[in-house]
């Protein structure tokens, strides 16, 4: 099946339109050091990891971790100058 010039034009316009949109979120960290930095920032100040069988502590820690992720997302987690707690 041949691709028509009309098809090429249509998809070219879609690509140009998408390229003109602002980024929805910063790109995720790519290097090992960037991932470690993000994890340290998220885990800093969390309660200690639960011991075996401590479900209440595990739920508390996971809730804290989720709240940190949401907070970082709201602030723009990819920014290097994001405040540390």
Protein backbone atom coordinates (compact mmCIF):
# COMPACT_ATOMS: atom_id res chain seq x y z
CA UNK A 1 0.00 0.00 0.00
CA UNK A 2 1.41 3.34 -1.02
CA UNK A 3 1.44 6.31 1.33
CA UNK A 4 -0.09 9.38 -0.25
CA UNK A 5 1.18 12.93 0.10
CA UNK A 6 -2.07 13.72 1.88
CA UNK A 7 -1.23 11.11 4.56
CA UNK A 8 2.31 12.43 4.93
CA UNK A 9 1.02 15.98 5.30
CA UNK A 10 -1.56 14.91 7.88
CA UNK A 11 0.96 13.11 10.09
CA UNK A 12 3.55 15.85 9.64
CA UNK A 13 1.00 18.38 10.98
CA UNK A 14 0.23 16.11 13.95
CA UNK A 15 3.97 15.84 14.70
CA UNK A 16 4.43 19.61 14.49
CA UNK A 17 1.42 20.16 16.73
CA UNK A 18 2.71 17.69 19.33
CA UNK A 19 6.17 19.27 19.23
CA UNK A 20 4.62 22.69 19.92
CA UNK A 21 2.91 21.49 23.13
CA UNK A 22 4.65 22.13 26.46
CA UNK A 23 6.04 19.08 28.20
CA UNK A 24 3.55 17.55 30.64
CA UNK A 25 6.30 16.60 33.06
CA UNK A 26 10.06 16.76 33.22
CA UNK A 27 11.87 13.76 31.79
CA UNK A 28 12.57 10.97 34.27
CA UNK A 29 16.07 10.60 35.71
CA UNK A 30 18.30 8.68 33.36
CA UNK A 31 21.60 7.98 35.09
CA UNK A 32 22.15 5.80 38.15
CA UNK A 33 23.27 8.87 40.13
CA UNK A 34 20.11 10.78 39.18
CA UNK A 35 17.91 7.86 40.26
CA UNK A 36 19.80 7.56 43.56
CA UNK A 37 19.45 11.30 44.18
CA UNK A 38 15.69 11.12 43.59
CA UNK A 39 15.33 8.11 45.91
CA UNK A 40 17.35 9.77 48.67
CA UNK A 41 15.20 12.90 48.34
CA UNK A 42 12.02 10.81 48.58
CA UNK A 43 13.14 8.57 51.45
CA UNK A 44 14.79 11.26 53.56
CA UNK A 45 12.86 11.49 56.80
CA UNK A 46 10.60 8.50 56.24
CA UNK A 47 9.85 6.27 59.17
CA UNK A 48 12.18 3.26 59.53
CA UNK A 49 11.38 0.19 57.41
CA UNK A 50 8.98 -2.19 59.17
CA UNK A 51 10.16 -5.39 60.74
CA UNK A 52 8.72 -8.74 59.69
CA UNK A 53 4.97 -9.02 60.21
CA UNK A 54 4.45 -5.36 61.19
CA UNK A 55 1.60 -4.56 58.77
CA UNK A 56 0.57 -1.28 60.41
CA UNK A 57 4.12 0.10 60.13
CA UNK A 58 4.36 -1.07 56.52
CA UNK A 59 1.13 0.70 55.60
CA UNK A 60 2.30 3.87 57.36
CA UNK A 61 5.63 3.83 55.52
CA UNK A 62 4.03 3.16 52.12
CA UNK A 63 1.55 5.98 52.73
CA UNK A 64 4.41 8.35 53.61
CA UNK A 65 6.30 7.24 50.49
CA UNK A 66 3.22 7.80 48.27
CA UNK A 67 2.70 11.25 49.80
CA UNK A 68 6.34 12.16 49.08
CA UNK A 69 5.99 11.05 45.46
CA UNK A 70 2.84 13.12 45.04
CA UNK A 71 4.52 16.11 46.68
CA UNK A 72 7.55 15.85 44.39
CA UNK A 73 5.29 15.50 41.36
CA UNK A 74 3.35 18.60 42.35
CA UNK A 75 6.59 20.59 42.75
CA UNK A 76 8.19 19.23 39.60
CA UNK A 77 10.38 16.32 40.66
CA UNK A 78 12.87 16.74 37.82
CA UNK A 79 14.03 20.14 38.97
CA UNK A 80 17.52 20.18 40.41
CA UNK A 81 16.70 23.09 42.71
CA UNK A 82 13.72 21.40 44.37
CA UNK A 83 13.73 21.99 48.13
CA UNK A 84 14.83 19.19 50.36
CA UNK A 85 12.94 18.60 53.54
